[in-house]
Amino acid sequence: MPQGHPRIISLANQKGGVGKTTTAINLGTALAAIGERVLIIDLDPQGNASTGLGIDRRDRNASTYDVLMGEVSLRDAVVPTAVPRLHIAPSTMDLSGLELELGTTRDRAFRLRNAIGSLNNNVAPDADFTYVLVDCPPSLNLITVNAMAASDAILVPLQCEFFALEGLSQLLQTVEQVRSTLNPELSIHGIVLTMYDSRNNLSNQVVADVRQFMGKKVYDTMIPRNVRISEAPSYGKPVLVYDLKCAGSEAYLKLATEVIQRERELRTAG
């Protein structure tokens, strides 16, 4: 991948509790494990991605709020994690007031895009990020619009539950609006089904419905409902570090392979 141009993928879904942050942390870890240099940008005021990667709130000297307000560069907000080649720009609760503070500022939808634009400038090749994963808040607000305006593609974690498709159609409408007004290059990278339980008839029905509705946009890999995935964040670790052999870790490694495969196909097509 050429220096200066990381691939930017936002993880978005306006519903909470669907596995966005868990997927950001573990997909980032899996990509780093196969040699990519990955930056996770935590855009959720709750800061769960930061906590889940062991970044103490007292150590968040510069946050994504400071970046979007133009007070520090994105590079200055980045901190390393315990995972080699995986870094994070942490968030704080200050982000929750961002929309009011930016008001009607002309570039308010492009703050993140502008910040990422200079991320790889004037750095050694081995400090170059090849992937940026943006963990969005569970709402379709200005922060999520910033993420979509800055991204090459959207990755949608979708919980295997009754209202999954209803929320998905609303998200797809927002993506279409952003594409037509702010970012014509934006695409749906894929939809990952999370919290899948093969013993549950509803889970299987949701899988069938989503695959029928979205076709090849749905990744083959499904993330199972797995207790080790739930436990890992309380230790400040990705599940791949907490328990590499569990079903959840294996699923995220498969998902990373699938993401890379789709990236290759996109580059070949392009």
C-alpha atoms as a PDB file:
ATOM      1  CA  MET A   1       0.000   0.000   0.000  1.00  0.00           C
ATOM      2  CA  PRO A   2       1.496   3.379  -0.973  1.00  0.00           C
ATOM      3  CA  GLN A   3       2.846   5.567   1.785  1.00  0.00           C
ATOM      4  CA  GLY A   4       0.500   8.321   2.859  1.00  0.00           C
ATOM      5  CA  HIS A   5      -2.731   6.512   1.966  1.00  0.00           C
ATOM      6  CA  PRO A   6      -4.120   4.276   4.683  1.00  0.00           C
ATOM      7  CA  ARG A   7      -7.362   2.461   3.934  1.00  0.00           C
ATOM      8  CA  ILE A   8     -10.045   4.032   6.119  1.00  0.00           C
ATOM      9  CA  ILE A   9     -12.914   1.809   7.253  1.00  0.00           C
ATOM     10  CA  SER A  10     -15.607   3.007   9.652  1.00  0.00           C
ATOM     11  CA  LEU A  11     -17.541   0.595  11.821  1.00  0.00           C
ATOM     12  CA  ALA A  12     -21.037   2.015  11.991  1.00  0.00           C
ATOM     13  CA  ASN A  13     -24.502   1.061  13.163  1.00  0.00           C
ATOM     14  CA  GLN A  14     -26.852   3.433  14.979  1.00  0.00           C
ATOM     15  CA  LYS A  15     -28.021   0.594  17.222  1.00  0.00           C
ATOM     16  CA  GLY A  16     -26.025   0.055  20.404  1.00  0.00           C
ATOM     17  CA  GLY A  17     -24.841  -3.327  21.607  1.00  0.00           C
ATOM     18  CA  VAL A  18     -24.306  -4.872  18.173  1.00  0.00           C
ATOM     19  CA  GLY A  19     -20.562  -5.459  18.524  1.00  0.00           C
ATOM     20  CA  LYS A  20     -19.086  -2.348  16.846  1.00  0.00           C
ATOM     21  CA  THR A  21     -16.399  -1.701  19.423  1.00  0.00           C
ATOM     22  CA  THR A  22     -15.631  -5.392  19.928  1.00  0.00           C
ATOM     23  CA  THR A  23     -15.233  -5.766  16.173  1.00  0.00           C
ATOM     24  CA  ALA A  24     -13.042  -2.648  15.897  1.00  0.00           C
ATOM     25  CA  ILE A  25     -10.718  -3.901  18.660  1.00  0.00           C
ATOM     26  CA  ASN A  26     -10.460  -7.476  17.447  1.00  0.00           C
ATOM     27  CA  LEU A  27     -10.402  -6.828  13.706  1.00  0.00           C
ATOM     28  CA  GLY A  28      -7.666  -4.255  14.371  1.00  0.00           C
ATOM     29  CA  THR A  29      -5.733  -6.799  16.438  1.00  0.00           C
ATOM     30  CA  ALA A  30      -6.129  -9.497  13.773  1.00  0.00           C
ATOM     31  CA  LEU A  31      -4.985  -7.142  10.989  1.00  0.00           C
ATOM     32  CA  ALA A  32      -1.967  -6.141  13.091  1.00  0.00           C
ATOM     33  CA  ALA A  33      -1.199  -9.830  13.719  1.00  0.00           C
ATOM     34  CA  ILE A  34      -0.932 -10.444   9.965  1.00  0.00           C
ATOM     35  CA  GLY A  35       1.472  -7.534   9.473  1.00  0.00           C
ATOM     36  CA  GLU A  36      -0.647  -4.424   8.910  1.00  0.00           C
ATOM     37  CA  ARG A  37      -0.011  -1.219  10.870  1.00  0.00           C
ATOM     38  CA  VAL A  38      -3.408  -0.300  12.275  1.00  0.00           C
ATOM     39  CA  LEU A  39      -4.823   2.810  13.927  1.00  0.00           C
ATOM     40  CA  ILE A  40      -8.169   2.640  15.702  1.00  0.00           C
ATOM     41  CA  ILE A  41      -9.857   6.029  16.019  1.00  0.00           C
ATOM     42  CA  ASP A  42     -12.253   5.973  18.977  1.00  0.00           C
ATOM     43  CA  LEU A  43     -15.131   8.323  18.146  1.00  0.00           C
ATOM     44  CA  ASP A  44     -17.544   7.052  20.789  1.00  0.00           C
ATOM     45  CA  PRO A  45     -17.776   9.405  23.811  1.00  0.00           C
ATOM     46  CA  GLN A  46     -18.056   6.321  26.044  1.00  0.00           C
ATOM     47  CA  GLY A  47     -14.487   5.423  25.044  1.00  0.00           C
ATOM     48  CA  ASN A  48     -15.016   1.663  25.200  1.00  0.00           C
ATOM     49  CA  ALA A  49     -12.496   0.900  22.454  1.00  0.00           C
ATOM     50  CA  SER A  50      -9.864   2.810  24.433  1.00  0.00           C
ATOM     51  CA  THR A  51     -10.736   1.021  27.689  1.00  0.00           C
ATOM     52  CA  GLY A  52     -10.934  -2.345  25.923  1.00  0.00           C
ATOM     53  CA  LEU A  53      -7.349  -1.868  24.712  1.00  0.00           C
ATOM     54  CA  GLY A  54      -6.105  -1.032  28.204  1.00  0.00           C
ATOM     55  CA  ILE A  55      -5.770   2.752  27.824  1.00  0.00           C
ATOM     56  CA  ASP A  56      -6.473   4.260  31.258  1.00  0.00           C
ATOM     57  CA  ARG A  57      -8.653   7.385  31.264  1.00  0.00           C
ATOM     58  CA  ARG A  58      -5.888   9.272  33.109  1.00  0.00           C
ATOM     59  CA  ASP A  59      -3.501   8.586  30.224  1.00  0.00           C
ATOM     60  CA  ARG A  60      -5.709  10.164  27.546  1.00  0.00           C
ATOM     61  CA  ASN A  61      -3.826  13.452  27.422  1.00  0.00           C
ATOM     62  CA  ALA A  62      -4.963  14.227  23.887  1.00  0.00           C
ATOM     63  CA  SER A  63      -8.180  12.741  22.569  1.00  0.00           C
ATOM     64  CA  THR A  64     -10.208  12.564  19.382  1.00  0.00           C
ATOM     65  CA  TYR A  65     -12.238  15.504  20.738  1.00  0.00           C
ATOM     66  CA  ASP A  66      -9.071  17.642  20.691  1.00  0.00           C
ATOM     67  CA  VAL A  67      -8.350  16.423  17.141  1.00  0.00           C
ATOM     68  CA  LEU A  68     -11.829  17.278  15.821  1.00  0.00           C
ATOM     69  CA  MET A  69     -11.707  20.667  17.533  1.00  0.00           C
ATOM     70  CA  GLY A  70      -8.431  21.352  15.705  1.00  0.00           C
ATOM     71  CA  GLU A  71      -6.388  21.684  18.888  1.00  0.00           C
ATOM     72  CA  VAL A  72      -3.934  18.824  18.204  1.00  0.00           C
ATOM     73  CA  SER A  73      -2.936  16.762  15.170  1.00  0.00           C
ATOM     74  CA  LEU A  74      -4.226  13.203  14.911  1.00  0.00           C
ATOM     75  CA  ARG A  75      -0.650  11.897  15.168  1.00  0.00           C
ATOM     76  CA  ASP A  76      -0.263  13.704  18.523  1.00  0.00           C
ATOM     77  CA  ALA A  77      -3.344  11.936  19.913  1.00  0.00           C
ATOM     78  CA  VAL A  78      -2.156   8.440  18.944  1.00  0.00           C
ATOM     79  CA  VAL A  79      -0.953   6.100  21.702  1.00  0.00           C
ATOM     80  CA  PRO A  80       0.476   2.582  21.328  1.00  0.00           C
ATOM     81  CA  THR A  81      -1.380  -0.429  22.695  1.00  0.00           C
ATOM     82  CA  ALA A  82       0.052  -3.656  24.123  1.00  0.00           C
ATOM     83  CA  VAL A  83      -0.527  -5.237  20.693  1.00  0.00           C
ATOM     84  CA  PRO A  84       2.426  -4.778  18.295  1.00  0.00           C
ATOM     85  CA  ARG A  85       1.555  -2.573  15.272  1.00  0.00           C
ATOM     86  CA  LEU A  86      -1.811  -1.562  16.806  1.00  0.00           C
ATOM     87  CA  HIS A  87      -2.335   2.042  17.971  1.00  0.00           C
ATOM     88  CA  ILE A  88      -5.366   4.001  19.105  1.00  0.00           C
ATOM     89  CA  ALA A  89      -6.489   7.619  19.213  1.00  0.00           C
ATOM     90  CA  PRO A  90      -8.558   7.499  22.435  1.00  0.00           C
ATOM     91  CA  SER A  91     -11.784   9.336  23.175  1.00  0.00           C
ATOM     92  CA  THR A  92     -13.234  11.116  26.194  1.00  0.00           C
ATOM     93  CA  MET A  93     -16.733  12.223  27.236  1.00  0.00           C
ATOM     94  CA  ASP A  94     -15.933  15.696  25.802  1.00  0.00           C
ATOM     95  CA  LEU A  95     -16.928  14.274  22.406  1.00  0.00           C
ATOM     96  CA  SER A  96     -20.587  14.228  23.436  1.00  0.00           C
ATOM     97  CA  GLY A  97     -20.717  18.033  23.172  1.00  0.00           C
ATOM     98  CA  LEU A  98     -18.902  18.283  19.845  1.00  0.00           C
ATOM     99  CA  GLU A  99     -21.977  18.850  17.685  1.00  0.00           C
ATOM    100  CA  LEU A 100     -23.050  21.888  19.728  1.00  0.00           C
ATOM    101  CA  GLU A 101     -19.526  23.311  19.829  1.00  0.00           C
ATOM    102  CA  LEU A 102     -18.944  23.054  16.083  1.00  0.00           C
ATOM    103  CA  GLY A 103     -22.375  24.541  15.390  1.00  0.00           C
ATOM    104  CA  THR A 104     -22.585  25.647  11.767  1.00  0.00           C
ATOM    105  CA  THR A 105     -18.821  25.735  11.130  1.00  0.00           C
ATOM    106  CA  ARG A 106     -18.337  25.321   7.382  1.00  0.00           C
ATOM    107  CA  ASP A 107     -15.956  22.353   7.508  1.00  0.00           C
ATOM    108  CA  ARG A 108     -17.695  20.625  10.405  1.00  0.00           C
ATOM    109  CA  ALA A 109     -18.404  17.421   8.423  1.00  0.00           C
ATOM    110  CA  PHE A 110     -14.795  17.175   7.222  1.00  0.00           C
ATOM    111  CA  ARG A 111     -12.863  17.588  10.484  1.00  0.00           C
ATOM    112  CA  LEU A 112     -11.872  13.912  10.613  1.00  0.00           C
ATOM    113  CA  ARG A 113     -11.021  13.700   6.908  1.00  0.00           C
ATOM    114  CA  ASN A 114      -8.720  16.700   7.219  1.00  0.00           C
ATOM    115  CA  ALA A 115      -7.051  15.200  10.313  1.00  0.00           C
ATOM    116  CA  ILE A 116      -6.430  11.817   8.648  1.00  0.00           C
ATOM    117  CA  GLY A 117      -5.124  13.563   5.526  1.00  0.00           C
ATOM    118  CA  SER A 118      -1.857  14.467   7.257  1.00  0.00           C
ATOM    119  CA  LEU A 119      -1.580  11.287   9.380  1.00  0.00           C
ATOM    120  CA  ASN A 120       1.250   9.694   7.407  1.00  0.00           C
ATOM    121  CA  ASN A 121       3.052  12.898   6.409  1.00  0.00           C
ATOM    122  CA  ASN A 122       6.748  13.187   7.299  1.00  0.00           C
ATOM    123  CA  VAL A 123       6.983   9.861   9.119  1.00  0.00           C
ATOM    124  CA  ALA A 124       9.369   6.973   8.577  1.00  0.00           C
ATOM    125  CA  PRO A 125       7.915   4.198   6.357  1.00  0.00           C
ATOM    126  CA  ASP A 126       7.778   1.833   9.340  1.00  0.00           C
ATOM    127  CA  ALA A 127       5.554   4.347  11.199  1.00  0.00           C
ATOM    128  CA  ASP A 128       3.113   4.503   8.300  1.00  0.00           C
ATOM    129  CA  PHE A 129      -0.421   3.299   9.063  1.00  0.00           C
ATOM    130  CA  THR A 130      -1.887   1.015   6.420  1.00  0.00           C
ATOM    131  CA  TYR A 131      -5.362   0.714   7.977  1.00  0.00           C
ATOM    132  CA  VAL A 132      -7.473   3.156   9.964  1.00  0.00           C
ATOM    133  CA  LEU A 133     -10.542   1.706  11.695  1.00  0.00           C
ATOM    134  CA  VAL A 134     -13.030   4.252  13.027  1.00  0.00           C
ATOM    135  CA  ASP A 135     -15.258   3.148  15.909  1.00  0.00           C
ATOM    136  CA  CYS A 136     -18.438   5.237  15.565  1.00  0.00           C
ATOM    137  CA  PRO A 137     -20.933   6.109  18.308  1.00  0.00           C
ATOM    138  CA  PRO A 138     -24.319   4.321  18.318  1.00  0.00           C
ATOM    139  CA  SER A 139     -26.163   7.154  16.546  1.00  0.00           C
ATOM    140  CA  LEU A 140     -26.289   8.837  13.143  1.00  0.00           C
ATOM    141  CA  ASN A 141     -25.012  12.219  14.358  1.00  0.00           C
ATOM    142  CA  LEU A 142     -22.316  14.666  13.223  1.00  0.00           C
ATOM    143  CA  ILE A 143     -19.553  12.418  14.590  1.00  0.00           C
ATOM    144  CA  THR A 144     -20.744   9.473  12.480  1.00  0.00           C
ATOM    145  CA  VAL A 145     -21.130  11.754   9.458  1.00  0.00           C
ATOM    146  CA  ASN A 146     -17.501  12.885   9.982  1.00  0.00           C
ATOM    147  CA  ALA A 147     -16.441   9.232   9.978  1.00  0.00           C
ATOM    148  CA  MET A 148     -18.375   8.472   6.797  1.00  0.00           C
ATOM    149  CA  ALA A 149     -17.091  11.598   5.043  1.00  0.00           C
ATOM    150  CA  ALA A 150     -13.526  10.499   5.837  1.00  0.00           C
ATOM    151  CA  SER A 151     -13.876   6.809   4.974  1.00  0.00           C
ATOM    152  CA  ASP A 152     -13.248   4.663   1.942  1.00  0.00           C
ATOM    153  CA  ALA A 153     -15.802   2.151   3.163  1.00  0.00           C
ATOM    154  CA  ILE A 154     -18.251   1.235   5.923  1.00  0.00           C
ATOM    155  CA  LEU A 155     -18.184  -2.065   7.788  1.00  0.00           C
ATOM    156  CA  VAL A 156     -21.520  -2.793   9.472  1.00  0.00           C
ATOM    157  CA  PRO A 157     -21.668  -5.105  12.503  1.00  0.00           C
ATOM    158  CA  LEU A 158     -25.195  -6.506  12.656  1.00  0.00           C
ATOM    159  CA  GLN A 159     -26.531  -8.443  15.611  1.00  0.00           C
ATOM    160  CA  CYS A 160     -28.537 -11.571  14.826  1.00  0.00           C
ATOM    161  CA  GLU A 161     -31.761 -10.275  16.365  1.00  0.00           C
ATOM    162  CA  PHE A 162     -35.313  -9.437  15.318  1.00  0.00           C
ATOM    163  CA  PHE A 163     -34.933  -5.733  14.423  1.00  0.00           C
ATOM    164  CA  ALA A 164     -31.599  -6.102  12.606  1.00  0.00           C
ATOM    165  CA  LEU A 165     -32.868  -5.392   9.083  1.00  0.00           C
ATOM    166  CA  GLU A 166     -34.963  -2.425  10.196  1.00  0.00           C
ATOM    167  CA  GLY A 167     -31.891  -0.630  11.559  1.00  0.00           C
ATOM    168  CA  LEU A 168     -29.808  -1.645   8.552  1.00  0.00           C
ATOM    169  CA  SER A 169     -32.086   0.061   6.024  1.00  0.00           C
ATOM    170  CA  GLN A 170     -31.876   3.337   7.997  1.00  0.00           C
ATOM    171  CA  LEU A 171     -28.075   3.118   8.051  1.00  0.00           C
ATOM    172  CA  LEU A 172     -27.938   2.422   4.304  1.00  0.00           C
ATOM    173  CA  GLN A 173     -30.045   5.544   3.679  1.00  0.00           C
ATOM    174  CA  THR A 174     -27.530   7.622   5.659  1.00  0.00           C
ATOM    175  CA  VAL A 175     -24.619   6.114   3.709  1.00  0.00           C
ATOM    176  CA  GLU A 176     -26.431   7.022   0.475  1.00  0.00           C
ATOM    177  CA  GLN A 177     -26.976  10.601   1.675  1.00  0.00           C
ATOM    178  CA  VAL A 178     -23.290  10.975   2.602  1.00  0.00           C
ATOM    179  CA  ARG A 179     -22.270   9.508  -0.745  1.00  0.00           C
ATOM    180  CA  SER A 180     -24.426  11.963  -2.689  1.00  0.00           C
ATOM    181  CA  THR A 181     -23.457  15.068  -0.684  1.00  0.00           C
ATOM    182  CA  LEU A 182     -20.057  14.626   1.015  1.00  0.00           C
ATOM    183  CA  ASN A 183     -18.126  11.564  -0.173  1.00  0.00           C
ATOM    184  CA  PRO A 184     -18.938  10.065  -3.610  1.00  0.00           C
ATOM    185  CA  GLU A 185     -16.280   7.340  -3.117  1.00  0.00           C
ATOM    186  CA  LEU A 186     -17.946   5.845  -0.029  1.00  0.00           C
ATOM    187  CA  SER A 187     -18.968   2.180  -0.280  1.00  0.00           C
ATOM    188  CA  ILE A 188     -20.232  -0.609   1.951  1.00  0.00           C
ATOM    189  CA  HIS A 189     -17.227  -2.853   2.583  1.00  0.00           C
ATOM    190  CA  GLY A 190     -19.359  -5.537   4.153  1.00  0.00           C
ATOM    191  CA  ILE A 191     -21.811  -6.587   6.821  1.00  0.00           C
ATOM    192  CA  VAL A 192     -20.608  -8.866   9.616  1.00  0.00           C
ATOM    193  CA  LEU A 193     -23.211 -10.849  11.524  1.00  0.00           C
ATOM    194  CA  THR A 194     -22.420 -10.811  15.253  1.00  0.00           C
ATOM    195  CA  MET A 195     -23.623 -12.663  18.348  1.00  0.00           C
ATOM    196  CA  TYR A 196     -24.656 -15.620  16.205  1.00  0.00           C
ATOM    197  CA  ASP A 197     -26.055 -18.645  18.027  1.00  0.00           C
ATOM    198  CA  SER A 198     -26.576 -21.645  15.746  1.00  0.00           C
ATOM    199  CA  ARG A 199     -28.997 -23.226  18.263  1.00  0.00           C
ATOM    200  CA  ASN A 200     -31.330 -20.245  18.020  1.00  0.00           C
ATOM    201  CA  ASN A 201     -33.928 -20.384  15.239  1.00  0.00           C
ATOM    202  CA  LEU A 202     -34.237 -16.585  15.225  1.00  0.00           C
ATOM    203  CA  SER A 203     -30.471 -16.226  14.649  1.00  0.00           C
ATOM    204  CA  ASN A 204     -30.688 -18.537  11.649  1.00  0.00           C
ATOM    205  CA  GLN A 205     -33.718 -16.673  10.261  1.00  0.00           C
ATOM    206  CA  VAL A 206     -31.921 -13.307  10.579  1.00  0.00           C
ATOM    207  CA  VAL A 207     -28.867 -14.733   8.791  1.00  0.00           C
ATOM    208  CA  ALA A 208     -31.068 -15.992   5.945  1.00  0.00           C
ATOM    209  CA  ASP A 209     -32.932 -12.666   5.674  1.00  0.00           C
ATOM    210  CA  VAL A 210     -29.805 -10.497   5.722  1.00  0.00           C
ATOM    211  CA  ARG A 211     -28.042 -12.679   3.154  1.00  0.00           C
ATOM    212  CA  GLN A 212     -31.107 -12.548   0.901  1.00  0.00           C
ATOM    213  CA  PHE A 213     -31.397  -8.763   1.289  1.00  0.00           C
ATOM    214  CA  MET A 214     -27.688  -7.832   0.993  1.00  0.00           C
ATOM    215  CA  GLY A 215     -26.234 -10.747  -0.988  1.00  0.00           C
ATOM    216  CA  LYS A 216     -22.446 -10.758  -1.365  1.00  0.00           C
ATOM    217  CA  LYS A 217     -22.075  -7.693   0.851  1.00  0.00           C
ATOM    218  CA  VAL A 218     -22.456 -10.027   3.851  1.00  0.00           C
ATOM    219  CA  TYR A 219     -19.157 -11.583   4.961  1.00  0.00           C
ATOM    220  CA  ASP A 220     -19.030 -15.381   5.086  1.00  0.00           C
ATOM    221  CA  THR A 221     -17.546 -15.143   8.588  1.00  0.00           C
ATOM    222  CA  MET A 222     -20.029 -14.820  11.437  1.00  0.00           C
ATOM    223  CA  ILE A 223     -18.996 -13.828  14.963  1.00  0.00           C
ATOM    224  CA  PRO A 224     -20.463 -16.303  17.471  1.00  0.00           C
ATOM    225  CA  ARG A 225     -21.995 -15.470  20.816  1.00  0.00           C
ATOM    226  CA  ASN A 226     -18.967 -16.292  22.962  1.00  0.00           C
ATOM    227  CA  VAL A 227     -18.343 -15.688  26.665  1.00  0.00           C
ATOM    228  CA  ARG A 228     -14.593 -15.075  26.128  1.00  0.00           C
ATOM    229  CA  ILE A 229     -15.392 -12.158  23.797  1.00  0.00           C
ATOM    230  CA  SER A 230     -17.523 -10.634  26.577  1.00  0.00           C
ATOM    231  CA  GLU A 231     -14.880 -11.162  29.268  1.00  0.00           C
ATOM    232  CA  ALA A 232     -11.850  -9.794  27.405  1.00  0.00           C
ATOM    233  CA  PRO A 233     -12.612  -6.014  27.621  1.00  0.00           C
ATOM    234  CA  SER A 234     -12.749  -6.114  31.430  1.00  0.00           C
ATOM    235  CA  TYR A 235      -9.066  -7.142  31.300  1.00  0.00           C
ATOM    236  CA  GLY A 236      -8.249  -4.341  28.840  1.00  0.00           C
ATOM    237  CA  LYS A 237      -7.372  -6.909  26.177  1.00  0.00           C
ATOM    238  CA  PRO A 238      -8.639  -7.950  22.743  1.00  0.00           C
ATOM    239  CA  VAL A 239     -10.064 -11.483  22.811  1.00  0.00           C
ATOM    240  CA  LEU A 240      -7.215 -12.577  20.522  1.00  0.00           C
ATOM    241  CA  VAL A 241      -4.782 -11.730  23.320  1.00  0.00           C
ATOM    242  CA  TYR A 242      -7.060 -12.896  26.135  1.00  0.00           C
ATOM    243  CA  ASP A 243      -7.780 -16.335  24.616  1.00  0.00           C
ATOM    244  CA  LEU A 244      -6.381 -16.967  21.144  1.00  0.00           C
ATOM    245  CA  LYS A 245      -7.886 -20.445  20.884  1.00  0.00           C
ATOM    246  CA  CYS A 246     -11.532 -19.585  21.615  1.00  0.00           C
ATOM    247  CA  ALA A 247     -14.211 -19.557  18.913  1.00  0.00           C
ATOM    248  CA  GLY A 248     -14.459 -15.753  19.006  1.00  0.00           C
ATOM    249  CA  SER A 249     -10.747 -15.280  18.286  1.00  0.00           C
ATOM    250  CA  GLU A 250     -10.849 -17.753  15.425  1.00  0.00           C
ATOM    251  CA  ALA A 251     -13.816 -15.907  13.930  1.00  0.00           C
ATOM    252  CA  TYR A 252     -12.081 -12.505  14.060  1.00  0.00           C
ATOM    253  CA  LEU A 253      -8.951 -13.932  12.424  1.00  0.00           C
ATOM    254  CA  LYS A 254     -11.153 -15.312   9.632  1.00  0.00           C
ATOM    255  CA  LEU A 255     -12.889 -11.945   9.300  1.00  0.00           C
ATOM    256  CA  ALA A 256      -9.524 -10.158   8.960  1.00  0.00           C
ATOM    257  CA  THR A 257      -8.533 -12.583   6.195  1.00  0.00           C
ATOM    258  CA  GLU A 258     -11.830 -11.894   4.446  1.00  0.00           C
ATOM    259  CA  VAL A 259     -11.392  -8.116   4.767  1.00  0.00           C
ATOM    260  CA  ILE A 260      -7.893  -8.349   3.244  1.00  0.00           C
ATOM    261  CA  GLN A 261      -9.247 -10.549   0.445  1.00  0.00           C
ATOM    262  CA  ARG A 262     -11.929  -7.983  -0.397  1.00  0.00           C
ATOM    263  CA  GLU A 263      -9.285  -5.250  -0.349  1.00  0.00           C
ATOM    264  CA  ARG A 264      -7.209  -7.212  -2.881  1.00  0.00           C
ATOM    265  CA  GLU A 265     -10.241  -7.671  -5.107  1.00  0.00           C
ATOM    266  CA  LEU A 266     -11.006  -3.942  -4.917  1.00  0.00           C
ATOM    267  CA  ARG A 267      -7.431  -3.037  -5.870  1.00  0.00           C
ATOM    268  CA  THR A 268      -7.458  -5.528  -8.753  1.00  0.00           C
ATOM    269  CA  ALA A 269     -10.793  -4.184  -9.989  1.00  0.00           C
ATOM    270  CA  GLY A 270      -9.521  -0.617  -9.632  1.00  0.00           C
END
